[in-house]
């Protein structure tokens, strides 16, 4: 069964830095600070994941076979970051997967086997593969 990519771009306002706090029905707390990157809270069709991701790239959500979800985005440091829901309703901490990206992070796969793809700062496509079991690890970034 092929996984369907579910991606929603985080909403951001040009010229403003969003501090990862969304309230109510999509209202954003924002402040101008002169930064080049527009940062936004990672928001998908199912929830506000919090954190700060580069708003122009948004977040990508992946549905795991046990009913949990995992989200991926480009952090303020340019690295690829992830967070996942747990079956008890809590969220994990944000975890860096390393690398350096300058595009949306795409997640495709079947079940636990996930392939992430992103354009790196060198302009090439980079990939990171997750093992096909619940405890599977990541391969590391490769071209």
Protein backbone atom coordinates (compact mmCIF):
# COMPACT_ATOMS: atom_id res chain seq x y z
CA UNK A 1 0.00 0.00 0.00
CA UNK A 2 1.59 3.24 -1.17
CA UNK A 3 1.57 6.08 1.33
CA UNK A 4 -0.07 9.29 0.17
CA UNK A 5 1.96 12.40 0.86
CA UNK A 6 0.07 14.84 3.06
CA UNK A 7 1.76 18.23 2.99
CA UNK A 8 0.51 21.59 4.10
CA UNK A 9 2.62 24.68 3.95
CA UNK A 10 2.93 26.67 7.15
CA UNK A 11 1.35 30.08 6.86
CA UNK A 12 3.74 33.01 7.17
CA UNK A 13 3.63 36.75 6.56
CA UNK A 14 6.30 38.26 4.30
CA UNK A 15 8.83 40.37 6.18
CA UNK A 16 7.82 39.08 9.61
CA UNK A 17 9.31 36.45 11.86
CA UNK A 18 6.70 34.19 13.38
CA UNK A 19 7.62 32.94 16.84
CA UNK A 20 6.01 29.51 16.65
CA UNK A 21 2.90 30.47 18.59
CA UNK A 22 -0.46 30.07 16.92
CA UNK A 23 -3.63 30.77 18.78
CA UNK A 24 -7.28 30.17 18.03
CA UNK A 25 -8.15 29.62 14.38
CA UNK A 26 -4.81 30.34 12.76
CA UNK A 27 -3.96 33.70 14.27
CA UNK A 28 -0.20 34.11 14.40
CA UNK A 29 1.90 36.00 16.91
CA UNK A 30 4.48 37.81 14.82
CA UNK A 31 7.14 40.48 15.20
CA UNK A 32 9.41 42.28 12.78
CA UNK A 33 13.08 41.74 13.57
CA UNK A 34 14.80 42.21 10.22
CA UNK A 35 15.69 38.53 9.76
CA UNK A 36 15.86 37.28 6.17
CA UNK A 37 14.09 33.98 6.81
CA UNK A 38 10.40 33.91 7.57
CA UNK A 39 9.82 31.48 10.43
CA UNK A 40 6.52 29.83 11.23
CA UNK A 41 5.04 27.31 13.58
CA UNK A 42 4.79 23.91 11.91
CA UNK A 43 1.08 23.60 11.13
CA UNK A 44 -0.49 20.80 9.09
CA UNK A 45 -4.04 19.74 8.35
CA UNK A 46 -4.22 17.78 11.60
CA UNK A 47 -2.50 19.96 14.22
CA UNK A 48 -0.12 22.70 15.24
CA UNK A 49 3.19 20.94 15.90
CA UNK A 50 4.86 24.08 17.29
CA UNK A 51 8.53 24.83 16.81
CA UNK A 52 10.09 27.17 14.27
CA UNK A 53 10.44 26.05 10.67
CA UNK A 54 11.36 28.07 7.63
CA UNK A 55 7.90 29.17 6.51
CA UNK A 56 8.66 29.20 2.79
CA UNK A 57 9.19 25.40 2.92
CA UNK A 58 6.43 24.45 5.35
CA UNK A 59 6.08 21.03 6.95
CA UNK A 60 5.43 17.55 5.64
CA UNK A 61 3.32 15.10 7.61
CA UNK A 62 3.56 11.31 7.31
CA UNK A 63 1.01 8.84 8.73
CA UNK A 64 2.63 5.92 10.56
CA UNK A 65 1.03 2.43 10.59
CA UNK A 66 0.20 2.52 14.33
CA UNK A 67 -1.92 5.67 14.01
CA UNK A 68 0.84 8.07 15.00
CA UNK A 69 2.05 10.84 12.72
CA UNK A 70 5.51 12.24 12.03
CA UNK A 71 6.29 15.69 10.68
CA UNK A 72 9.41 17.03 8.94
CA UNK A 73 10.62 20.58 8.25
CA UNK A 74 13.67 22.79 7.78
CA UNK A 75 14.70 24.44 11.05
CA UNK A 76 16.21 27.84 11.71
CA UNK A 77 19.68 26.26 11.37
CA UNK A 78 18.89 24.85 7.90
CA UNK A 79 18.89 21.25 9.19
CA UNK A 80 15.99 18.84 8.72
CA UNK A 81 14.00 18.38 11.94
CA UNK A 82 11.31 15.89 12.91
CA UNK A 83 8.70 15.41 15.60
CA UNK A 84 6.08 12.69 16.04
CA UNK A 85 2.88 12.07 17.91
CA UNK A 86 2.55 9.21 20.37
CA UNK A 87 -0.45 6.92 20.76
CA UNK A 88 -1.14 8.48 24.20
CA UNK A 89 -1.62 11.90 22.54
CA UNK A 90 1.67 13.51 23.59
CA UNK A 91 4.31 14.80 21.18
CA UNK A 92 8.00 13.96 21.07
CA UNK A 93 10.64 16.64 21.32
CA UNK A 94 11.96 18.04 18.08
CA UNK A 95 14.91 15.94 16.85
CA UNK A 96 17.46 16.97 14.24
CA UNK A 97 18.10 14.60 11.34
CA UNK A 98 21.05 16.76 10.30
CA UNK A 99 21.71 17.72 6.72
CA UNK A 100 21.06 21.12 5.21
CA UNK A 101 18.00 21.76 3.08
CA UNK A 102 16.55 24.53 0.99
CA UNK A 103 13.25 23.05 -0.16
CA UNK A 104 10.20 21.37 1.26
CA UNK A 105 11.08 18.01 2.82
CA UNK A 106 9.15 15.30 0.98
CA UNK A 107 8.24 12.04 2.74
CA UNK A 108 7.13 8.97 0.82
CA UNK A 109 6.96 5.34 1.70
CA UNK A 110 4.95 2.37 2.84
CA UNK A 111 4.35 1.73 6.52
CA UNK A 112 7.46 2.30 8.60
CA UNK A 113 9.78 2.53 5.56
CA UNK A 114 10.08 6.24 4.78
CA UNK A 115 12.25 8.02 2.24
CA UNK A 116 12.85 11.71 2.82
CA UNK A 117 14.01 13.85 -0.08
CA UNK A 118 15.12 17.46 -0.01
CA UNK A 119 17.18 19.81 -2.14
CA UNK A 120 20.42 20.51 -0.29
CA UNK A 121 22.26 23.81 -0.10
CA UNK A 122 24.49 22.49 -2.91
CA UNK A 123 21.45 22.34 -5.26
CA UNK A 124 21.38 18.51 -5.38
CA UNK A 125 18.64 16.17 -4.20
CA UNK A 126 19.52 14.38 -0.95
CA UNK A 127 17.78 11.34 0.56
CA UNK A 128 17.47 9.76 4.01
CA UNK A 129 15.82 6.35 4.41
CA UNK A 130 14.14 4.97 7.52
CA UNK A 131 14.16 1.21 8.18
CA UNK A 132 10.92 -0.68 7.64
CA UNK A 133 10.23 -1.56 11.30
CA UNK A 134 8.83 0.41 14.23
CA UNK A 135 12.33 0.69 15.72
CA UNK A 136 14.04 1.33 12.35
CA UNK A 137 16.79 3.93 12.23
CA UNK A 138 17.72 6.47 9.57
CA UNK A 139 20.40 5.77 6.93
CA UNK A 140 21.86 9.27 6.99
CA UNK A 141 21.82 11.75 4.12
CA UNK A 142 23.09 10.57 0.74
CA UNK A 143 22.75 11.56 -2.92
